[in-house]
Amino acid sequence: MQVARTRENLRKCKCMYCPSYTTECKLKNLPGNLVHLMEDLKEADHFEGMFCAFEKSNCIHKDKGCLCETCPIHDEYQLNNNDYCLHTGGETPKN
């Protein structure tokens, strides 16, 4: 199931709180993210957040911990993967 690119889902999203999403990365992408928030998220080709709905990050390159499984979107859309910020479509968790 594809995650809807909505403001409601963005409010539920935990990407901004993820340890892998560094302060430097957040600051670097703030201007572009603000522009997308003023537009329709459905039309955005990339967004540095809600990676399960968009694609992997252009800024995050190292796994410093993953919050995907604790995110309401992960449960609501029955997602099975983690690390959506590092891998478009996520990566199957290793058990």
PDB file of N, CA and C in Angstrom:
ATOM      1  N   MET A   1       0.845  -1.175   0.000  1.00  0.00           N
ATOM      2  CA  MET A   1       0.000   0.000   0.000  1.00  0.00           C
ATOM      3  C   MET A   1       0.893   1.243   0.000  1.00  0.00           C
ATOM      4  N   GLN A   2       0.614   2.185  -0.876  1.00  0.00           N
ATOM      5  CA  GLN A   2       1.422   3.395  -0.965  1.00  0.00           C
ATOM      6  C   GLN A   2       0.957   4.419   0.068  1.00  0.00           C
ATOM      7  N   VAL A   3       1.904   5.014   0.738  1.00  0.00           N
ATOM      8  CA  VAL A   3       1.616   6.016   1.765  1.00  0.00           C
ATOM      9  C   VAL A   3       1.182   7.310   1.083  1.00  0.00           C
ATOM     10  N   ALA A   4       0.044   7.837   1.502  1.00  0.00           N
ATOM     11  CA  ALA A   4      -0.485   9.082   0.938  1.00  0.00           C
ATOM     12  C   ALA A   4       0.386  10.258   1.361  1.00  0.00           C
ATOM     13  N   ARG A   5       0.658  11.133   0.426  1.00  0.00           N
ATOM     14  CA  ARG A   5       1.469  12.335   0.678  1.00  0.00           C
ATOM     15  C   ARG A   5       0.554  13.462   1.134  1.00  0.00           C
ATOM     16  N   THR A   6       0.150  13.391   2.394  1.00  0.00           N
ATOM     17  CA  THR A   6      -0.777  14.378   2.935  1.00  0.00           C
ATOM     18  C   THR A   6      -0.166  15.081   4.136  1.00  0.00           C
ATOM     19  N   ARG A   7      -0.693  16.254   4.444  1.00  0.00           N
ATOM     20  CA  ARG A   7      -0.245  16.975   5.635  1.00  0.00           C
ATOM     21  C   ARG A   7      -0.613  16.201   6.904  1.00  0.00           C
ATOM     22  N   GLU A   8      -1.750  15.518   6.864  1.00  0.00           N
ATOM     23  CA  GLU A   8      -2.161  14.707   8.016  1.00  0.00           C
ATOM     24  C   GLU A   8      -1.112  13.624   8.304  1.00  0.00           C
ATOM     25  N   ASN A   9      -0.657  12.936   7.277  1.00  0.00           N
ATOM     26  CA  ASN A   9       0.384  11.928   7.472  1.00  0.00           C
ATOM     27  C   ASN A   9       1.692  12.571   7.905  1.00  0.00           C
ATOM     28  N   LEU A  10       1.992  13.742   7.381  1.00  0.00           N
ATOM     29  CA  LEU A  10       3.217  14.432   7.770  1.00  0.00           C
ATOM     30  C   LEU A  10       3.190  14.774   9.260  1.00  0.00           C
ATOM     31  N   ARG A  11       2.027  15.117   9.788  1.00  0.00           N
ATOM     32  CA  ARG A  11       1.919  15.403  11.230  1.00  0.00           C
ATOM     33  C   ARG A  11       2.173  14.149  12.067  1.00  0.00           C
ATOM     34  N   LYS A  12       1.834  12.990  11.548  1.00  0.00           N
ATOM     35  CA  LYS A  12       2.047  11.719  12.255  1.00  0.00           C
ATOM     36  C   LYS A  12       3.484  11.222  12.129  1.00  0.00           C
ATOM     37  N   CYS A  13       4.157  11.674  11.110  1.00  0.00           N
ATOM     38  CA  CYS A  13       5.490  11.188  10.734  1.00  0.00           C
ATOM     39  C   CYS A  13       6.512  11.406  11.853  1.00  0.00           C
ATOM     40  N   LYS A  14       7.376  10.410  12.065  1.00  0.00           N
ATOM     41  CA  LYS A  14       8.422  10.501  13.085  1.00  0.00           C
ATOM     42  C   LYS A  14       9.813  10.730  12.494  1.00  0.00           C
ATOM     43  N   CYS A  15       9.908  10.899  11.197  1.00  0.00           N
ATOM     44  CA  CYS A  15      11.218  11.063  10.567  1.00  0.00           C
ATOM     45  C   CYS A  15      12.048  12.185  11.198  1.00  0.00           C
ATOM     46  N   MET A  16      11.415  13.305  11.505  1.00  0.00           N
ATOM     47  CA  MET A  16      12.148  14.454  12.059  1.00  0.00           C
ATOM     48  C   MET A  16      12.761  14.153  13.424  1.00  0.00           C
ATOM     49  N   TYR A  17      12.277  13.121  14.105  1.00  0.00           N
ATOM     50  CA  TYR A  17      12.774  12.768  15.431  1.00  0.00           C
ATOM     51  C   TYR A  17      13.769  11.621  15.391  1.00  0.00           C
ATOM     52  N   CYS A  18      14.017  11.077  14.230  1.00  0.00           N
ATOM     53  CA  CYS A  18      14.893   9.925  14.074  1.00  0.00           C
ATOM     54  C   CYS A  18      16.345  10.312  14.354  1.00  0.00           C
ATOM     55  N   PRO A  19      17.081   9.471  15.075  1.00  0.00           N
ATOM     56  CA  PRO A  19      18.493   9.786  15.342  1.00  0.00           C
ATOM     57  C   PRO A  19      19.348   9.849  14.069  1.00  0.00           C
ATOM     58  N   SER A  20      18.910   9.205  13.008  1.00  0.00           N
ATOM     59  CA  SER A  20      19.665   9.254  11.753  1.00  0.00           C
ATOM     60  C   SER A  20      19.498  10.592  11.031  1.00  0.00           C
ATOM     61  N   TYR A  21      18.431  11.321  11.358  1.00  0.00           N
ATOM     62  CA  TYR A  21      18.155  12.608  10.723  1.00  0.00           C
ATOM     63  C   TYR A  21      18.859  13.691  11.552  1.00  0.00           C
ATOM     64  N   THR A  22      20.080  13.962  11.204  1.00  0.00           N
ATOM     65  CA  THR A  22      20.919  14.862  11.981  1.00  0.00           C
ATOM     66  C   THR A  22      20.432  16.306  11.909  1.00  0.00           C
ATOM     67  N   THR A  23      20.836  17.095  12.869  1.00  0.00           N
ATOM     68  CA  THR A  23      20.492  18.515  12.896  1.00  0.00           C
ATOM     69  C   THR A  23      20.999  19.204  11.636  1.00  0.00           C
ATOM     70  N   GLU A  24      22.205  18.864  11.213  1.00  0.00           N
ATOM     71  CA  GLU A  24      22.773  19.464  10.005  1.00  0.00           C
ATOM     72  C   GLU A  24      21.891  19.170   8.792  1.00  0.00           C
ATOM     73  N   CYS A  25      21.415  17.951   8.711  1.00  0.00           N
ATOM     74  CA  CYS A  25      20.558  17.559   7.593  1.00  0.00           C
ATOM     75  C   CYS A  25      19.231  18.324   7.643  1.00  0.00           C
ATOM     76  N   LYS A  26      18.662  18.449   8.828  1.00  0.00           N
ATOM     77  CA  LYS A  26      17.401  19.189   8.975  1.00  0.00           C
ATOM     78  C   LYS A  26      17.573  20.641   8.546  1.00  0.00           C
ATOM     79  N   LEU A  27      18.647  21.274   9.007  1.00  0.00           N
ATOM     80  CA  LEU A  27      18.892  22.676   8.669  1.00  0.00           C
ATOM     81  C   LEU A  27      19.153  22.866   7.178  1.00  0.00           C
ATOM     82  N   LYS A  28      19.899  21.964   6.597  1.00  0.00           N
ATOM     83  CA  LYS A  28      20.220  22.044   5.171  1.00  0.00           C
ATOM     84  C   LYS A  28      18.947  21.973   4.329  1.00  0.00           C
ATOM     85  N   ASN A  29      17.977  21.191   4.757  1.00  0.00           N
ATOM     86  CA  ASN A  29      16.781  20.955   3.958  1.00  0.00           C
ATOM     87  C   ASN A  29      15.583  21.794   4.358  1.00  0.00           C
ATOM     88  N   LEU A  30      15.713  22.611   5.384  1.00  0.00           N
ATOM     89  CA  LEU A  30      14.598  23.418   5.863  1.00  0.00           C
ATOM     90  C   LEU A  30      14.001  24.322   4.783  1.00  0.00           C
ATOM     91  N   PRO A  31      14.803  25.071   4.033  1.00  0.00           N
ATOM     92  CA  PRO A  31      14.191  25.950   3.015  1.00  0.00           C
ATOM     93  C   PRO A  31      13.360  25.184   1.986  1.00  0.00           C
ATOM     94  N   GLY A  32      13.900  24.106   1.462  1.00  0.00           N
ATOM     95  CA  GLY A  32      13.176  23.327   0.458  1.00  0.00           C
ATOM     96  C   GLY A  32      11.923  22.683   1.017  1.00  0.00           C
ATOM     97  N   ASN A  33      12.006  22.178   2.243  1.00  0.00           N
ATOM     98  CA  ASN A  33      10.835  21.570   2.864  1.00  0.00           C
ATOM     99  C   ASN A  33       9.737  22.594   3.096  1.00  0.00           C
ATOM    100  N   LEU A  34      10.107  23.801   3.495  1.00  0.00           N
ATOM    101  CA  LEU A  34       9.108  24.852   3.706  1.00  0.00           C
ATOM    102  C   LEU A  34       8.395  25.212   2.408  1.00  0.00           C
ATOM    103  N   VAL A  35       9.127  25.258   1.320  1.00  0.00           N
ATOM    104  CA  VAL A  35       8.523  25.544   0.022  1.00  0.00           C
ATOM    105  C   VAL A  35       7.497  24.461  -0.315  1.00  0.00           C
ATOM    106  N   HIS A  36       7.860  23.207  -0.105  1.00  0.00           N
ATOM    107  CA  HIS A  36       6.938  22.104  -0.399  1.00  0.00           C
ATOM    108  C   HIS A  36       5.709  22.143   0.500  1.00  0.00           C
ATOM    109  N   LEU A  37       5.861  22.597   1.722  1.00  0.00           N
ATOM    110  CA  LEU A  37       4.723  22.670   2.631  1.00  0.00           C
ATOM    111  C   LEU A  37       3.726  23.733   2.199  1.00  0.00           C
ATOM    112  N   MET A  38       4.205  24.761   1.509  1.00  0.00           N
ATOM    113  CA  MET A  38       3.303  25.793   1.012  1.00  0.00           C
ATOM    114  C   MET A  38       2.563  25.324  -0.239  1.00  0.00           C
ATOM    115  N   GLU A  39       3.101  24.314  -0.901  1.00  0.00           N
ATOM    116  CA  GLU A  39       2.481  23.750  -2.091  1.00  0.00           C
ATOM    117  C   GLU A  39       1.685  22.509  -1.688  1.00  0.00           C
ATOM    118  N   ASP A  40       1.276  21.756  -2.647  1.00  0.00           N
ATOM    119  CA  ASP A  40       0.589  20.493  -2.419  1.00  0.00           C
ATOM    120  C   ASP A  40       1.640  19.389  -2.354  1.00  0.00           C
ATOM    121  N   LEU A  41       1.718  18.682  -1.226  1.00  0.00           N
ATOM    122  CA  LEU A  41       2.707  17.620  -1.074  1.00  0.00           C
ATOM    123  C   LEU A  41       2.573  16.540  -2.143  1.00  0.00           C
ATOM    124  N   LYS A  42       1.370  16.342  -2.642  1.00  0.00           N
ATOM    125  CA  LYS A  42       1.149  15.316  -3.665  1.00  0.00           C
ATOM    126  C   LYS A  42       1.944  15.619  -4.927  1.00  0.00           C
ATOM    127  N   GLU A  43       2.231  16.892  -5.153  1.00  0.00           N
ATOM    128  CA  GLU A  43       2.938  17.304  -6.365  1.00  0.00           C
ATOM    129  C   GLU A  43       4.456  17.340  -6.178  1.00  0.00           C
ATOM    130  N   ALA A  44       4.926  17.218  -4.956  1.00  0.00           N
ATOM    131  CA  ALA A  44       6.372  17.284  -4.694  1.00  0.00           C
ATOM    132  C   ALA A  44       7.063  16.047  -5.247  1.00  0.00           C
ATOM    133  N   ASP A  45       8.169  16.241  -5.951  1.00  0.00           N
ATOM    134  CA  ASP A  45       8.904  15.092  -6.463  1.00  0.00           C
ATOM    135  C   ASP A  45       9.863  14.537  -5.416  1.00  0.00           C
ATOM    136  N   HIS A  46      10.234  15.346  -4.435  1.00  0.00           N
ATOM    137  CA  HIS A  46      11.075  14.880  -3.330  1.00  0.00           C
ATOM    138  C   HIS A  46      10.768  15.730  -2.105  1.00  0.00           C
ATOM    139  N   PHE A  47      10.878  15.112  -0.953  1.00  0.00           N
ATOM    140  CA  PHE A  47      10.687  15.812   0.316  1.00  0.00           C
ATOM    141  C   PHE A  47      11.619  15.170   1.311  1.00  0.00           C
ATOM    142  N   GLU A  48      12.350  15.970   2.056  1.00  0.00           N
ATOM    143  CA  GLU A  48      13.271  15.434   3.054  1.00  0.00           C
ATOM    144  C   GLU A  48      12.512  15.167   4.355  1.00  0.00           C
ATOM    145  N   GLY A  49      11.740  14.130   4.338  1.00  0.00           N
ATOM    146  CA  GLY A  49      10.920  13.685   5.456  1.00  0.00           C
ATOM    147  C   GLY A  49       9.882  12.734   4.899  1.00  0.00           C
ATOM    148  N   MET A  50       9.157  12.082   5.774  1.00  0.00           N
ATOM    149  CA  MET A  50       8.143  11.098   5.382  1.00  0.00           C
ATOM    150  C   MET A  50       8.673  10.238   4.225  1.00  0.00           C
ATOM    151  N   PHE A  51       9.846   9.667   4.470  1.00  0.00           N
ATOM    152  CA  PHE A  51      10.571   8.940   3.433  1.00  0.00           C
ATOM    153  C   PHE A  51       9.825   7.710   2.928  1.00  0.00           C
ATOM    154  N   CYS A  52       8.930   7.153   3.731  1.00  0.00           N
ATOM    155  CA  CYS A  52       8.147   5.997   3.269  1.00  0.00           C
ATOM    156  C   CYS A  52       7.159   6.405   2.177  1.00  0.00           C
ATOM    157  N   ALA A  53       6.840   7.685   2.087  1.00  0.00           N
ATOM    158  CA  ALA A  53       5.921   8.174   1.061  1.00  0.00           C
ATOM    159  C   ALA A  53       6.663   8.748  -0.147  1.00  0.00           C
ATOM    160  N   PHE A  54       7.883   9.173   0.058  1.00  0.00           N
ATOM    161  CA  PHE A  54       8.642   9.784  -1.026  1.00  0.00           C
ATOM    162  C   PHE A  54       9.751   8.831  -1.468  1.00  0.00           C
ATOM    163  N   GLU A  55      10.943   9.130  -1.162  1.00  0.00           N
ATOM    164  CA  GLU A  55      12.081   8.276  -1.501  1.00  0.00           C
ATOM    165  C   GLU A  55      13.160   8.513  -0.473  1.00  0.00           C
ATOM    166  N   LYS A  56      14.250   7.817  -0.604  1.00  0.00           N
ATOM    167  CA  LYS A  56      15.321   7.952   0.384  1.00  0.00           C
ATOM    168  C   LYS A  56      15.826   9.388   0.440  1.00  0.00           C
ATOM    169  N   SER A  57      16.471   9.692   1.529  1.00  0.00           N
ATOM    170  CA  SER A  57      17.011  11.027   1.763  1.00  0.00           C
ATOM    171  C   SER A  57      18.198  11.312   0.863  1.00  0.00           C
ATOM    172  N   ASN A  58      18.353  12.567   0.511  1.00  0.00           N
ATOM    173  CA  ASN A  58      19.551  13.010  -0.196  1.00  0.00           C
ATOM    174  C   ASN A  58      20.614  13.465   0.786  1.00  0.00           C
ATOM    175  N   CYS A  59      20.312  13.386   2.071  1.00  0.00           N
ATOM    176  CA  CYS A  59      21.181  13.932   3.099  1.00  0.00           C
ATOM    177  C   CYS A  59      21.617  12.882   4.133  1.00  0.00           C
ATOM    178  N   ILE A  60      20.750  11.933   4.439  1.00  0.00           N
ATOM    179  CA  ILE A  60      21.060  10.910   5.447  1.00  0.00           C
ATOM    180  C   ILE A  60      21.839   9.791   4.766  1.00  0.00           C
ATOM    181  N   HIS A  61      23.009   9.484   5.318  1.00  0.00           N
ATOM    182  CA  HIS A  61      23.859   8.460   4.709  1.00  0.00           C
ATOM    183  C   HIS A  61      24.296   7.383   5.690  1.00  0.00           C
ATOM    184  N   LYS A  62      23.928   7.546   6.969  1.00  0.00           N
ATOM    185  CA  LYS A  62      24.375   6.589   7.976  1.00  0.00           C
ATOM    186  C   LYS A  62      23.223   6.276   8.924  1.00  0.00           C
ATOM    187  N   ASP A  63      23.019   4.998   9.199  1.00  0.00           N
ATOM    188  CA  ASP A  63      21.986   4.551  10.129  1.00  0.00           C
ATOM    189  C   ASP A  63      22.473   4.774  11.554  1.00  0.00           C
ATOM    190  N   LYS A  64      21.815   5.690  12.253  1.00  0.00           N
ATOM    191  CA  LYS A  64      22.148   5.971  13.650  1.00  0.00           C
ATOM    192  C   LYS A  64      20.995   5.544  14.552  1.00  0.00           C
ATOM    193  N   GLY A  65      20.120   4.704  14.010  1.00  0.00           N
ATOM    194  CA  GLY A  65      18.930   4.259  14.727  1.00  0.00           C
ATOM    195  C   GLY A  65      17.723   4.489  13.841  1.00  0.00           C
ATOM    196  N   CYS A  66      16.702   3.672  14.007  1.00  0.00           N
ATOM    197  CA  CYS A  66      15.521   3.752  13.140  1.00  0.00           C
ATOM    198  C   CYS A  66      14.259   3.768  13.996  1.00  0.00           C
ATOM    199  N   LEU A  67      13.355   4.698  13.687  1.00  0.00           N
ATOM    200  CA  LEU A  67      12.081   4.816  14.399  1.00  0.00           C
ATOM    201  C   LEU A  67      10.902   4.305  13.575  1.00  0.00           C
ATOM    202  N   CYS A  68      11.155   3.799  12.391  1.00  0.00           N
ATOM    203  CA  CYS A  68      10.066   3.422  11.488  1.00  0.00           C
ATOM    204  C   CYS A  68       9.004   2.552  12.171  1.00  0.00           C
ATOM    205  N   GLU A  69       9.425   1.529  12.876  1.00  0.00           N
ATOM    206  CA  GLU A  69       8.454   0.605  13.473  1.00  0.00           C
ATOM    207  C   GLU A  69       7.621   1.250  14.576  1.00  0.00           C
ATOM    208  N   THR A  70       8.035   2.388  15.096  1.00  0.00           N
ATOM    209  CA  THR A  70       7.276   3.083  16.143  1.00  0.00           C
ATOM    210  C   THR A  70       6.356   4.158  15.570  1.00  0.00           C
ATOM    211  N   CYS A  71       6.411   4.350  14.261  1.00  0.00           N
ATOM    212  CA  CYS A  71       5.653   5.409  13.606  1.00  0.00           C
ATOM    213  C   CYS A  71       4.223   4.959  13.315  1.00  0.00           C
ATOM    214  N   PRO A  72       3.232   5.806  13.591  1.00  0.00           N
ATOM    215  CA  PRO A  72       1.843   5.456  13.298  1.00  0.00           C
ATOM    216  C   PRO A  72       1.596   5.168  11.816  1.00  0.00           C
ATOM    217  N   ILE A  73       2.333   5.814  10.940  1.00  0.00           N
ATOM    218  CA  ILE A  73       2.175   5.587   9.508  1.00  0.00           C
ATOM    219  C   ILE A  73       2.599   4.159   9.157  1.00  0.00           C
ATOM    220  N   HIS A  74       3.672   3.692   9.753  1.00  0.00           N
ATOM    221  CA  HIS A  74       4.176   2.337   9.514  1.00  0.00           C
ATOM    222  C   HIS A  74       3.091   1.315   9.820  1.00  0.00           C
ATOM    223  N   ASP A  75       2.396   1.512  10.919  1.00  0.00           N
ATOM    224  CA  ASP A  75       1.330   0.605  11.330  1.00  0.00           C
ATOM    225  C   ASP A  75       0.089   0.779  10.447  1.00  0.00           C
ATOM    226  N   GLU A  76      -0.320   2.013  10.260  1.00  0.00           N
ATOM    227  CA  GLU A  76      -1.540   2.311   9.500  1.00  0.00           C
ATOM    228  C   GLU A  76      -1.487   1.775   8.068  1.00  0.00           C
ATOM    229  N   TYR A  77      -0.325   1.886   7.433  1.00  0.00           N
ATOM    230  CA  TYR A  77      -0.176   1.436   6.049  1.00  0.00           C
ATOM    231  C   TYR A  77       0.412   0.028   5.954  1.00  0.00           C
ATOM    232  N   GLN A  78       0.538  -0.629   7.079  1.00  0.00           N
ATOM    233  CA  GLN A  78       1.045  -1.998   7.151  1.00  0.00           C
ATOM    234  C   GLN A  78       2.379  -2.152   6.419  1.00  0.00           C
ATOM    235  N   LEU A  79       3.281  -1.223   6.710  1.00  0.00           N
ATOM    236  CA  LEU A  79       4.610  -1.269   6.103  1.00  0.00           C
ATOM    237  C   LEU A  79       5.435  -2.360   6.783  1.00  0.00           C
ATOM    238  N   ASN A  80       6.296  -2.990   6.025  1.00  0.00           N
ATOM    239  CA  ASN A  80       7.089  -4.092   6.548  1.00  0.00           C
ATOM    240  C   ASN A  80       8.574  -3.799   6.618  1.00  0.00           C
ATOM    241  N   ASN A  81       8.984  -2.656   6.102  1.00  0.00           N
ATOM    242  CA  ASN A  81      10.406  -2.348   6.022  1.00  0.00           C
ATOM    243  C   ASN A  81      10.805  -1.253   6.997  1.00  0.00           C
ATOM    244  N   ASN A  82      12.089  -1.013   7.088  1.00  0.00           N
ATOM    245  CA  ASN A  82      12.684   0.041   7.911  1.00  0.00           C
ATOM    246  C   ASN A  82      13.680   0.822   7.056  1.00  0.00           C
ATOM    247  N   ASP A  83      14.236   1.846   7.645  1.00  0.00           N
ATOM    248  CA  ASP A  83      15.287   2.642   7.003  1.00  0.00           C
ATOM    249  C   ASP A  83      14.867   3.199   5.643  1.00  0.00           C
ATOM    250  N   TYR A  84      13.657   3.741   5.585  1.00  0.00           N
ATOM    251  CA  TYR A  84      13.176   4.357   4.345  1.00  0.00           C
ATOM    252  C   TYR A  84      14.027   5.566   3.965  1.00  0.00           C
ATOM    253  N   CYS A  85      14.692   6.161   4.942  1.00  0.00           N
ATOM    254  CA  CYS A  85      15.551   7.312   4.659  1.00  0.00           C
ATOM    255  C   CYS A  85      16.828   6.902   3.923  1.00  0.00           C
ATOM    256  N   LEU A  86      17.242   5.655   4.091  1.00  0.00           N
ATOM    257  CA  LEU A  86      18.472   5.182   3.464  1.00  0.00           C
ATOM    258  C   LEU A  86      18.239   4.365   2.195  1.00  0.00           C
ATOM    259  N   HIS A  87      17.037   3.808   2.053  1.00  0.00           N
ATOM    260  CA  HIS A  87      16.726   2.933   0.921  1.00  0.00           C
ATOM    261  C   HIS A  87      15.322   3.263   0.414  1.00  0.00           C
ATOM    262  N   THR A  88      15.195   3.701  -0.817  1.00  0.00           N
ATOM    263  CA  THR A  88      13.878   3.953  -1.380  1.00  0.00           C
ATOM    264  C   THR A  88      13.071   2.659  -1.299  1.00  0.00           C
ATOM    265  N   GLY A  89      11.899   2.734  -0.698  1.00  0.00           N
ATOM    266  CA  GLY A  89      11.077   1.545  -0.470  1.00  0.00           C
ATOM    267  C   GLY A  89      11.434   0.826   0.817  1.00  0.00           C
ATOM    268  N   GLY A  90      12.434   1.333   1.510  1.00  0.00           N
ATOM    269  CA  GLY A  90      12.842   0.738   2.774  1.00  0.00           C
ATOM    270  C   GLY A  90      13.676  -0.515   2.593  1.00  0.00           C
ATOM    271  N   GLU A  91      14.147  -1.012   3.701  1.00  0.00           N
ATOM    272  CA  GLU A  91      14.954  -2.235   3.714  1.00  0.00           C
ATOM    273  C   GLU A  91      14.296  -3.219   4.650  1.00  0.00           C
ATOM    274  N   THR A  92      14.245  -4.467   4.257  1.00  0.00           N
ATOM    275  CA  THR A  92      13.659  -5.499   5.102  1.00  0.00           C
ATOM    276  C   THR A  92      14.485  -5.614   6.377  1.00  0.00           C
ATOM    277  N   PRO A  93      13.826  -5.530   7.543  1.00  0.00           N
ATOM    278  CA  PRO A  93      14.569  -5.632   8.804  1.00  0.00           C
ATOM    279  C   PRO A  93      15.265  -6.984   8.934  1.00  0.00           C
ATOM    280  N   LYS A  94      16.446  -6.954   9.490  1.00  0.00           N
ATOM    281  CA  LYS A  94      17.199  -8.183   9.724  1.00  0.00           C
ATOM    282  C   LYS A  94      16.888  -8.661  11.134  1.00  0.00           C
ATOM    283  N   ASN A  95      16.367  -9.858  11.247  1.00  0.00           N
ATOM    284  CA  ASN A  95      16.038 -10.407  12.576  1.00  0.00           C
ATOM    285  C   ASN A  95      17.062 -11.405  13.021  1.00  0.00           C
TER     286      ASN A  95
END
